[in-house]
C-alpha atoms as a PDB file:
ATOM      1  CA  MET A   1     188.602 119.691  56.661  1.00  0.00           C
ATOM      2  CA  SER A   2     187.210 115.970  57.598  1.00  0.00           C
ATOM      3  CA  VAL A   3     183.928 114.695  56.396  1.00  0.00           C
ATOM      4  CA  SER A   4     182.470 115.036  59.774  1.00  0.00           C
ATOM      5  CA  THR A   5     182.868 118.992  59.852  1.00  0.00           C
ATOM      6  CA  LEU A   6     180.931 119.330  56.356  1.00  0.00           C
ATOM      7  CA  ALA A   7     178.243 117.309  57.477  1.00  0.00           C
ATOM      8  CA  PRO A   8     175.194 118.821  59.080  1.00  0.00           C
ATOM      9  CA  ALA A   9     174.267 118.224  62.670  1.00  0.00           C
ATOM     10  CA  PRO A  10     171.566 115.761  63.047  1.00  0.00           C
ATOM     11  CA  ILE A  11     168.036 117.396  64.045  1.00  0.00           C
ATOM     12  CA  ALA A  12     164.950 116.126  64.981  1.00  0.00           C
ATOM     13  CA  SER A  13     162.004 115.625  62.568  1.00  0.00           C
ATOM     14  CA  PRO A  14     159.662 118.958  62.361  1.00  0.00           C
ATOM     15  CA  HIS A  15     156.610 118.938  64.855  1.00  0.00           C
ATOM     16  CA  ALA A  16     153.746 121.363  65.368  1.00  0.00           C
ATOM     17  CA  HIS A  17     152.665 121.976  68.651  1.00  0.00           C
ATOM     18  CA  GLY A  18     148.993 121.872  69.066  1.00  0.00           C
ATOM     19  CA  GLY A  19     149.315 124.438  72.323  1.00  0.00           C
ATOM     20  CA  ASN A  20     147.874 121.593  74.699  1.00  0.00           C
ATOM     21  CA  SER A  21     149.506 120.976  77.916  1.00  0.00           C
ATOM     22  CA  VAL A  22     149.237 118.720  80.825  1.00  0.00           C
ATOM     23  CA  THR A  23     147.506 121.330  83.032  1.00  0.00           C
ATOM     24  CA  ARG A  24     145.199 122.353  80.361  1.00  0.00           C
ATOM     25  CA  THR A  25     144.128 118.771  79.675  1.00  0.00           C
ATOM     26  CA  MET A  26     143.472 118.156  83.270  1.00  0.00           C
ATOM     27  CA  PHE A  27     141.566 121.379  83.949  1.00  0.00           C
ATOM     28  CA  ARG A  28     139.330 120.405  80.984  1.00  0.00           C
ATOM     29  CA  VAL A  29     138.477 116.626  82.805  1.00  0.00           C
ATOM     30  CA  GLN A  30     137.885 118.476  86.103  1.00  0.00           C
ATOM     31  CA  LEU A  31     135.643 120.864  84.482  1.00  0.00           C
ATOM     32  CA  ALA A  32     133.869 118.047  82.701  1.00  0.00           C
ATOM     33  CA  LEU A  33     133.547 116.430  86.138  1.00  0.00           C
ATOM     34  CA  ALA A  34     132.103 119.280  87.662  1.00  0.00           C
ATOM     35  CA  PRO A  35     128.510 118.717  87.016  1.00  0.00           C
ATOM     36  CA  ALA A  36     128.471 115.260  87.987  1.00  0.00           C
ATOM     37  CA  THR A  37     130.302 116.141  91.279  1.00  0.00           C
ATOM     38  CA  LEU A  38     128.211 118.867  92.403  1.00  0.00           C
ATOM     39  CA  TYR A  39     124.885 116.855  91.752  1.00  0.00           C
ATOM     40  CA  GLY A  40     126.525 114.174  94.116  1.00  0.00           C
ATOM     41  CA  PHE A  41     126.844 116.991  96.684  1.00  0.00           C
ATOM     42  CA  TRP A  42     123.578 117.740  96.511  1.00  0.00           C
ATOM     43  CA  LEU A  43     122.196 114.029  96.990  1.00  0.00           C
ATOM     44  CA  PHE A  44     124.681 112.734  99.587  1.00  0.00           C
ATOM     45  CA  GLY A  45     125.366 116.231 101.379  1.00  0.00           C
ATOM     46  CA  TRP A  46     128.242 116.996 103.376  1.00  0.00           C
ATOM     47  CA  PRO A  47     129.836 113.602 104.169  1.00  0.00           C
ATOM     48  CA  SER A  48     130.435 113.421 100.247  1.00  0.00           C
ATOM     49  CA  PHE A  49     132.332 116.646 100.317  1.00  0.00           C
ATOM     50  CA  PHE A  50     134.416 115.932 103.116  1.00  0.00           C
ATOM     51  CA  LEU A  51     135.388 112.715 101.284  1.00  0.00           C
ATOM     52  CA  TRP A  52     136.059 114.267  97.924  1.00  0.00           C
ATOM     53  CA  LEU A  53     138.296 116.967  99.652  1.00  0.00           C
ATOM     54  CA  LEU A  54     140.223 114.660 102.049  1.00  0.00           C
ATOM     55  CA  THR A  55     140.795 112.342  98.908  1.00  0.00           C
ATOM     56  CA  ILE A  56     142.249 115.188  96.889  1.00  0.00           C
ATOM     57  CA  LEU A  57     144.301 116.736  99.822  1.00  0.00           C
ATOM     58  CA  SER A  58     145.789 113.111 100.440  1.00  0.00           C
ATOM     59  CA  CYS A  59     146.741 112.561  96.674  1.00  0.00           C
ATOM     60  CA  LEU A  60     148.614 115.960  96.536  1.00  0.00           C
ATOM     61  CA  GLY A  61     150.424 115.198 100.004  1.00  0.00           C
ATOM     62  CA  PHE A  62     151.688 112.198  98.783  1.00  0.00           C
ATOM     63  CA  GLU A  63     152.262 113.440  95.468  1.00  0.00           C
ATOM     64  CA  ALA A  64     154.715 115.846  97.242  1.00  0.00           C
ATOM     65  CA  LEU A  65     155.967 113.356  99.707  1.00  0.00           C
ATOM     66  CA  SER A  66     156.679 111.262  96.691  1.00  0.00           C
ATOM     67  CA  LEU A  67     158.626 114.086  94.538  1.00  0.00           C
ATOM     68  CA  LYS A  68     160.537 115.109  97.669  1.00  0.00           C
ATOM     69  CA  LEU A  69     161.814 111.606  98.680  1.00  0.00           C
ATOM     70  CA  MET A  70     162.979 111.077  94.847  1.00  0.00           C
ATOM     71  CA  GLY A  71     164.923 114.548  94.914  1.00  0.00           C
ATOM     72  CA  SER A  72     162.936 116.122  92.313  1.00  0.00           C
ATOM     73  CA  THR A  73     163.271 120.173  91.994  1.00  0.00           C
ATOM     74  CA  ARG A  74     159.738 120.446  90.534  1.00  0.00           C
ATOM     75  CA  ILE A  75     157.404 119.670  93.421  1.00  0.00           C
ATOM     76  CA  LYS A  76     155.579 122.763  92.856  1.00  0.00           C
ATOM     77  CA  GLY A  77     155.338 122.448  89.111  1.00  0.00           C
ATOM     78  CA  THR A  78     154.107 118.877  89.242  1.00  0.00           C
ATOM     79  CA  LEU A  79     151.442 119.476  91.882  1.00  0.00           C
ATOM     80  CA  TRP A  80     150.037 122.459  89.754  1.00  0.00           C
ATOM     81  CA  ASP A  81     149.860 120.558  86.649  1.00  0.00           C
ATOM     82  CA  GLY A  82     146.608 119.101  88.309  1.00  0.00           C
ATOM     83  CA  SER A  83     147.366 115.425  87.546  1.00  0.00           C
ATOM     84  CA  ALA A  84     147.384 114.742  91.365  1.00  0.00           C
ATOM     85  CA  LEU A  85     144.075 116.431  91.831  1.00  0.00           C
ATOM     86  CA  LEU A  86     142.248 114.589  88.904  1.00  0.00           C
ATOM     87  CA  THR A  87     143.378 111.212  90.393  1.00  0.00           C
ATOM     88  CA  GLY A  88     141.982 112.151  93.720  1.00  0.00           C
ATOM     89  CA  TRP A  89     138.576 113.704  92.195  1.00  0.00           C
ATOM     90  CA  LEU A  90     138.405 110.296  90.163  1.00  0.00           C
ATOM     91  CA  LEU A  91     139.028 108.120  93.040  1.00  0.00           C
ATOM     92  CA  ALA A  92     136.677 110.169  95.343  1.00  0.00           C
ATOM     93  CA  MET A  93     133.635 110.076  92.619  1.00  0.00           C
ATOM     94  CA  THR A  94     134.111 106.276  92.867  1.00  0.00           C
ATOM     95  CA  LEU A  95     133.788 105.671  96.672  1.00  0.00           C
ATOM     96  CA  PRO A  96     130.701 105.156  98.490  1.00  0.00           C
ATOM     97  CA  PRO A  97     129.564 108.917  99.518  1.00  0.00           C
ATOM     98  CA  TRP A  98     129.659 108.275 103.021  1.00  0.00           C
ATOM     99  CA  ALA A  99     132.944 106.414 103.444  1.00  0.00           C
ATOM    100  CA  PRO A 100     134.943 107.082 106.329  1.00  0.00           C
ATOM    101  CA  TRP A 101     137.923 109.236 106.456  1.00  0.00           C
ATOM    102  CA  TRP A 102     140.971 106.755 106.259  1.00  0.00           C
ATOM    103  CA  VAL A 103     139.411 105.194 103.278  1.00  0.00           C
ATOM    104  CA  ALA A 104     140.436 108.480 101.482  1.00  0.00           C
ATOM    105  CA  ILE A 105     143.992 108.613 103.016  1.00  0.00           C
ATOM    106  CA  VAL A 106     144.420 105.098 102.261  1.00  0.00           C
ATOM    107  CA  GLY A 107     143.280 105.170  98.767  1.00  0.00           C
ATOM    108  CA  GLY A 108     145.526 108.439  97.986  1.00  0.00           C
ATOM    109  CA  PHE A 109     148.520 106.801  99.221  1.00  0.00           C
ATOM    110  CA  ILE A 110     147.612 103.724  96.797  1.00  0.00           C
ATOM    111  CA  ALA A 111     147.073 105.878  93.803  1.00  0.00           C
ATOM    112  CA  ILE A 112     149.673 108.304  93.764  1.00  0.00           C
ATOM    113  CA  VAL A 113     152.467 106.060  95.317  1.00  0.00           C
ATOM    114  CA  ILE A 114     151.708 102.804  93.874  1.00  0.00           C
ATOM    115  CA  GLY A 115     149.588 103.388  91.178  1.00  0.00           C
ATOM    116  CA  LYS A 116     151.532 106.681  89.609  1.00  0.00           C
ATOM    117  CA  GLN A 117     155.040 107.367  91.188  1.00  0.00           C
ATOM    118  CA  VAL A 118     156.484 103.857  91.205  1.00  0.00           C
ATOM    119  CA  PHE A 119     156.098 103.774  87.429  1.00  0.00           C
ATOM    120  CA  GLY A 120     157.711 106.993  87.037  1.00  0.00           C
ATOM    121  CA  GLY A 121     155.073 109.848  87.546  1.00  0.00           C
ATOM    122  CA  VAL A 122     152.588 111.227  85.204  1.00  0.00           C
ATOM    123  CA  GLY A 123     152.414 109.607  81.736  1.00  0.00           C
ATOM    124  CA  GLN A 124     154.317 106.528  82.878  1.00  0.00           C
ATOM    125  CA  ASN A 125     151.577 104.827  85.036  1.00  0.00           C
ATOM    126  CA  VAL A 126     150.545 101.603  83.054  1.00  0.00           C
ATOM    127  CA  PHE A 127     146.910 101.880  84.833  1.00  0.00           C
ATOM    128  CA  ASN A 128     144.950 104.447  85.887  1.00  0.00           C
ATOM    129  CA  PRO A 129     145.924 105.606  89.273  1.00  0.00           C
ATOM    130  CA  ALA A 130     142.338 106.134  90.683  1.00  0.00           C
ATOM    131  CA  MET A 131     141.158 102.768  89.585  1.00  0.00           C
ATOM    132  CA  VAL A 132     144.059 100.932  90.852  1.00  0.00           C
ATOM    133  CA  ALA A 133     143.354 102.682  94.170  1.00  0.00           C
ATOM    134  CA  ARG A 134     139.811 101.624  93.756  1.00  0.00           C
ATOM    135  CA  VAL A 135     140.270  97.934  93.159  1.00  0.00           C
ATOM    136  CA  ALA A 136     142.975  97.700  95.826  1.00  0.00           C
ATOM    137  CA  LEU A 137     140.495  99.207  98.424  1.00  0.00           C
ATOM    138  CA  LEU A 138     137.794  97.079  97.238  1.00  0.00           C
ATOM    139  CA  VAL A 139     139.749  93.753  97.658  1.00  0.00           C
ATOM    140  CA  SER A 140     141.384  95.208 101.079  1.00  0.00           C
ATOM    141  CA  PHE A 141     138.436  96.291 102.559  1.00  0.00           C
ATOM    142  CA  PRO A 142     135.178  95.175 101.212  1.00  0.00           C
ATOM    143  CA  VAL A 143     132.697  96.209 103.955  1.00  0.00           C
ATOM    144  CA  PRO A 144     133.300 100.070 104.089  1.00  0.00           C
ATOM    145  CA  LEU A 145     133.601  99.673 100.424  1.00  0.00           C
ATOM    146  CA  THR A 146     130.312  98.322  99.643  1.00  0.00           C
ATOM    147  CA  GLN A 147     128.312 100.022 102.217  1.00  0.00           C
ATOM    148  CA  TRP A 148     126.066 102.588  99.828  1.00  0.00           C
ATOM    149  CA  VAL A 149     123.414 104.951 101.169  1.00  0.00           C
ATOM    150  CA  ALA A 150     120.558 106.060  99.476  1.00  0.00           C
ATOM    151  CA  PRO A 151     119.889 109.614  97.935  1.00  0.00           C
ATOM    152  CA  LEU A 152     119.182 111.904 100.790  1.00  0.00           C
ATOM    153  CA  PRO A 153     119.084 115.587  99.068  1.00  0.00           C
ATOM    154  CA  VAL A 154     120.523 118.216 101.224  1.00  0.00           C
ATOM    155  CA  THR A 155     117.273 120.121 101.014  1.00  0.00           C
ATOM    156  CA  SER A 156     115.441 117.427 103.001  1.00  0.00           C
ATOM    157  CA  LEU A 157     114.960 117.774 106.609  1.00  0.00           C
ATOM    158  CA  ALA A 158     116.525 114.520 107.286  1.00  0.00           C
ATOM    159  CA  ALA A 159     119.929 115.227 105.416  1.00  0.00           C
ATOM    160  CA  PRO A 160     122.793 115.730 107.809  1.00  0.00           C
ATOM    161  CA  ASP A 161     124.121 119.207 108.548  1.00  0.00           C
ATOM    162  CA  PHE A 162     127.740 120.500 108.815  1.00  0.00           C
ATOM    163  CA  ILE A 163     128.527 118.870 112.274  1.00  0.00           C
ATOM    164  CA  HIS A 164     126.327 115.821 111.831  1.00  0.00           C
ATOM    165  CA  GLY A 165     127.904 115.419 108.304  1.00  0.00           C
ATOM    166  CA  LEU A 166     131.472 115.735 109.694  1.00  0.00           C
ATOM    167  CA  GLN A 167     130.522 113.316 112.710  1.00  0.00           C
ATOM    168  CA  ILE A 168     129.616 110.682 110.044  1.00  0.00           C
ATOM    169  CA  PHE A 169     132.867 111.224 107.972  1.00  0.00           C
ATOM    170  CA  LEU A 170     135.049 111.067 111.323  1.00  0.00           C
ATOM    171  CA  GLY A 171     132.913 108.191 112.236  1.00  0.00           C
ATOM    172  CA  ASN A 172     132.023 109.538 115.483  1.00  0.00           C
ATOM    173  CA  GLN A 173     128.256 108.752 114.612  1.00  0.00           C
ATOM    174  CA  ALA A 174     127.191 105.673 116.558  1.00  0.00           C
ATOM    175  CA  THR A 175     125.526 103.202 114.507  1.00  0.00           C
ATOM    176  CA  PRO A 176     123.342 100.620 115.941  1.00  0.00           C
ATOM    177  CA  ASP A 177     123.374  97.111 115.467  1.00  0.00           C
ATOM    178  CA  ALA A 178     119.880  96.490 114.941  1.00  0.00           C
ATOM    179  CA  MET A 179     116.478  98.103 115.135  1.00  0.00           C
ATOM    180  CA  ALA A 180     113.914  96.508 117.489  1.00  0.00           C
ATOM    181  CA  SER A 181     110.065  97.569 116.687  1.00  0.00           C
ATOM    182  CA  ALA A 182     106.752  96.078 117.113  1.00  0.00           C
ATOM    183  CA  SER A 183     106.141  93.650 114.157  1.00  0.00           C
ATOM    184  CA  LEU A 184     103.337  93.814 112.088  1.00  0.00           C
ATOM    185  CA  LEU A 185     101.362  91.017 113.628  1.00  0.00           C
ATOM    186  CA  GLY A 186     102.020  92.136 117.046  1.00  0.00           C
ATOM    187  CA  TYR A 187     100.282  95.559 115.813  1.00  0.00           C
ATOM    188  CA  THR A 188      97.499  93.841 114.287  1.00  0.00           C
ATOM    189  CA  LYS A 189      96.851  91.792 117.524  1.00  0.00           C
ATOM    190  CA  THR A 190      96.742  94.962 119.446  1.00  0.00           C
ATOM    191  CA  GLU A 191      94.533  96.668 117.092  1.00  0.00           C
ATOM    192  CA  MET A 192      92.088  93.874 116.868  1.00  0.00           C
ATOM    193  CA  SER A 193      92.053  93.426 120.792  1.00  0.00           C
ATOM    194  CA  ARG A 194      90.442  97.305 120.516  1.00  0.00           C
ATOM    195  CA  GLY A 195      87.697  96.066 118.094  1.00  0.00           C
ATOM    196  CA  ILE A 196      89.430  97.438 114.938  1.00  0.00           C
ATOM    197  CA  ASP A 197      88.986  95.002 112.237  1.00  0.00           C
ATOM    198  CA  LEU A 198      91.959  93.639 110.048  1.00  0.00           C
ATOM    199  CA  LEU A 199      91.689  95.570 106.927  1.00  0.00           C
ATOM    200  CA  HIS A 200      90.940  98.996 109.060  1.00  0.00           C
ATOM    201  CA  SER A 201      93.946  97.932 111.055  1.00  0.00           C
ATOM    202  CA  LEU A 202      96.493  98.126 108.041  1.00  0.00           C
ATOM    203  CA  GLY A 203      94.985 100.934 106.305  1.00  0.00           C
ATOM    204  CA  GLY A 204      94.572 103.300 109.182  1.00  0.00           C
ATOM    205  CA  ASP A 205      96.704 106.258 110.170  1.00  0.00           C
ATOM    206  CA  HIS A 206      98.945 104.115 112.076  1.00  0.00           C
ATOM    207  CA  GLY A 207      98.785 100.893 110.286  1.00  0.00           C
ATOM    208  CA  ALA A 208     100.331 102.804 107.291  1.00  0.00           C
ATOM    209  CA  LEU A 209     103.598 102.696 109.518  1.00  0.00           C
ATOM    210  CA  PHE A 210     103.885  99.274 109.210  1.00  0.00           C
ATOM    211  CA  SER A 211     102.073  97.953 106.003  1.00  0.00           C
ATOM    212  CA  TRP A 212     102.324  99.026 102.046  1.00  0.00           C
ATOM    213  CA  ALA A 213      98.581  98.856 102.126  1.00  0.00           C
ATOM    214  CA  GLY A 214      98.208 102.178 103.890  1.00  0.00           C
ATOM    215  CA  THR A 215      97.593 105.177 101.777  1.00  0.00           C
ATOM    216  CA  ARG A 216     100.233 107.710 103.161  1.00  0.00           C
ATOM    217  CA  ALA A 217     103.015 104.962 102.720  1.00  0.00           C
ATOM    218  CA  GLY A 218     101.577 103.714  99.567  1.00  0.00           C
ATOM    219  CA  SER A 219     101.490 107.363  98.369  1.00  0.00           C
ATOM    220  CA  ALA A 220     104.923 108.027  99.486  1.00  0.00           C
ATOM    221  CA  LEU A 221     106.553 105.066  98.165  1.00  0.00           C
ATOM    222  CA  ALA A 222     105.004 105.731  94.645  1.00  0.00           C
ATOM    223  CA  ALA A 223     106.264 109.346  94.876  1.00  0.00           C
ATOM    224  CA  TYR A 224     109.408 108.436  95.692  1.00  0.00           C
ATOM    225  CA  SER A 225     109.651 105.335  92.734  1.00  0.00           C
ATOM    226  CA  ALA A 226     108.671 107.930  90.217  1.00  0.00           C
ATOM    227  CA  TRP A 227     111.288 110.291  91.577  1.00  0.00           C
ATOM    228  CA  ARG A 228     113.972 107.592  91.303  1.00  0.00           C
ATOM    229  CA  ALA A 229     112.781 106.181  87.929  1.00  0.00           C
ATOM    230  CA  ARG A 230     112.748 109.983  86.261  1.00  0.00           C
ATOM    231  CA  GLU A 231     115.779 110.887  87.497  1.00  0.00           C
ATOM    232  CA  SER A 232     117.837 107.522  87.590  1.00  0.00           C
ATOM    233  CA  ARG A 233     119.214 108.011  90.919  1.00  0.00           C
ATOM    234  CA  LEU A 234     120.779 105.268  92.624  1.00  0.00           C
ATOM    235  CA  ALA A 235     122.119 104.159  95.822  1.00  0.00           C
ATOM    236  CA  PHE A 236     125.819 103.874  94.680  1.00  0.00           C
ATOM    237  CA  SER A 237     128.787 106.087  94.250  1.00  0.00           C
ATOM    238  CA  SER A 238     128.516 110.268  93.823  1.00  0.00           C
ATOM    239  CA  GLY A 239     129.739 109.882  90.470  1.00  0.00           C
ATOM    240  CA  SER A 240     127.233 107.561  88.833  1.00  0.00           C
ATOM    241  CA  THR A 241     124.107 108.673  90.466  1.00  0.00           C
ATOM    242  CA  SER A 242     122.254 110.543  87.585  1.00  0.00           C
ATOM    243  CA  CYS A 243     122.166 110.138  83.669  1.00  0.00           C
ATOM    244  CA  LYS A 244     121.574 113.880  83.405  1.00  0.00           C
ATOM    245  CA  SER A 245     124.579 114.899  85.338  1.00  0.00           C
ATOM    246  CA  THR A 246     126.955 112.064  83.774  1.00  0.00           C
ATOM    247  CA  LYS A 247     125.553 113.133  80.359  1.00  0.00           C
ATOM    248  CA  ALA A 248     126.446 116.783  80.949  1.00  0.00           C
ATOM    249  CA  SER A 249     129.981 116.088  81.908  1.00  0.00           C
ATOM    250  CA  ALA A 250     130.230 114.029  78.857  1.00  0.00           C
ATOM    251  CA  THR A 251     128.652 117.096  77.017  1.00  0.00           C
ATOM    252  CA  THR A 252     131.329 119.351  78.682  1.00  0.00           C
ATOM    253  CA  ARG A 253     134.283 116.894  77.662  1.00  0.00           C
ATOM    254  CA  LEU A 254     133.116 117.053  73.981  1.00  0.00           C
ATOM    255  CA  LEU A 255     132.966 120.536  73.609  1.00  0.00           C
ATOM    256  CA  LYS A 256     136.192 121.403  75.190  1.00  0.00           C
ATOM    257  CA  GLY A 257     137.695 119.165  72.460  1.00  0.00           C
ATOM    258  CA  GLY A 258     136.951 115.710  73.635  1.00  0.00           C
ATOM    259  CA  SER A 259     136.398 112.957  70.948  1.00  0.00           C
ATOM    260  CA  SER A 260     132.713 112.060  70.199  1.00  0.00           C
ATOM    261  CA  ARG A 261     133.482 108.668  71.542  1.00  0.00           C
ATOM    262  CA  VAL A 262     133.449 109.935  74.906  1.00  0.00           C
ATOM    263  CA  ARG A 263     129.701 111.097  74.547  1.00  0.00           C
ATOM    264  CA  ARG A 264     128.764 107.905  72.744  1.00  0.00           C
ATOM    265  CA  SER A 265     130.029 105.521  75.527  1.00  0.00           C
ATOM    266  CA  CYS A 266     128.643 107.649  78.388  1.00  0.00           C
ATOM    267  CA  THR A 267     124.772 107.763  76.836  1.00  0.00           C
ATOM    268  CA  PRO A 268     124.374 104.036  76.950  1.00  0.00           C
ATOM    269  CA  GLY A 269     126.283 103.692  80.053  1.00  0.00           C
ATOM    270  CA  SER A 270     124.265 106.019  81.872  1.00  0.00           C
END
């Protein structure tokens, strides 16, 4: 009997599994993103929802295509772990809410193929795939990536409906190169020729359309400024428009087992 026969087989060091998994972690992050995402949909309407949906579908499609080209047999299981879905979700939250459709597709390709699968898949990537796509899009297409829109809640009359929002998303909505209108001096000259002095022409019912001195315009501007200041709503991406929704997302992540550093990092940033 040899010594090798008597020697016990080497075993790995003992480990205690905490019951966590990639799918559960991704689901918790998605749950934490829900408050800010829903609030972004309310602020920016249907175009932001279409962008979010297509970005996620693009990431899932490129994930499946990459796995198939690599000959993987776990395509369905990898898609269901939620990593590609979360990548598309995060990317959509950093894009301009009214970005065109092709931004979502190009961003999904960069995030999944270049930012993730090139390095070996989930857990092997050096950088966050969504942020890789965000930076690449900004460098490659600076114009559509810097065209922000002011918040326009879906309950307002001027908010785009489903069809109008789809036209904006698909780029079928014509955008004028410039807007022509009567200047303030021209309007004042016309009013003074009618015998209305300068003060009344600027402060009357029609003057409010052209000057901040009008009572109606001043009241509307003050109300809108107070609304913006109270809610901290900015003309930025749908994921960074409200302090309250961002803090709600951080609190959700904290309650689901996230580190308290998440909450502390989101509070001063928002």
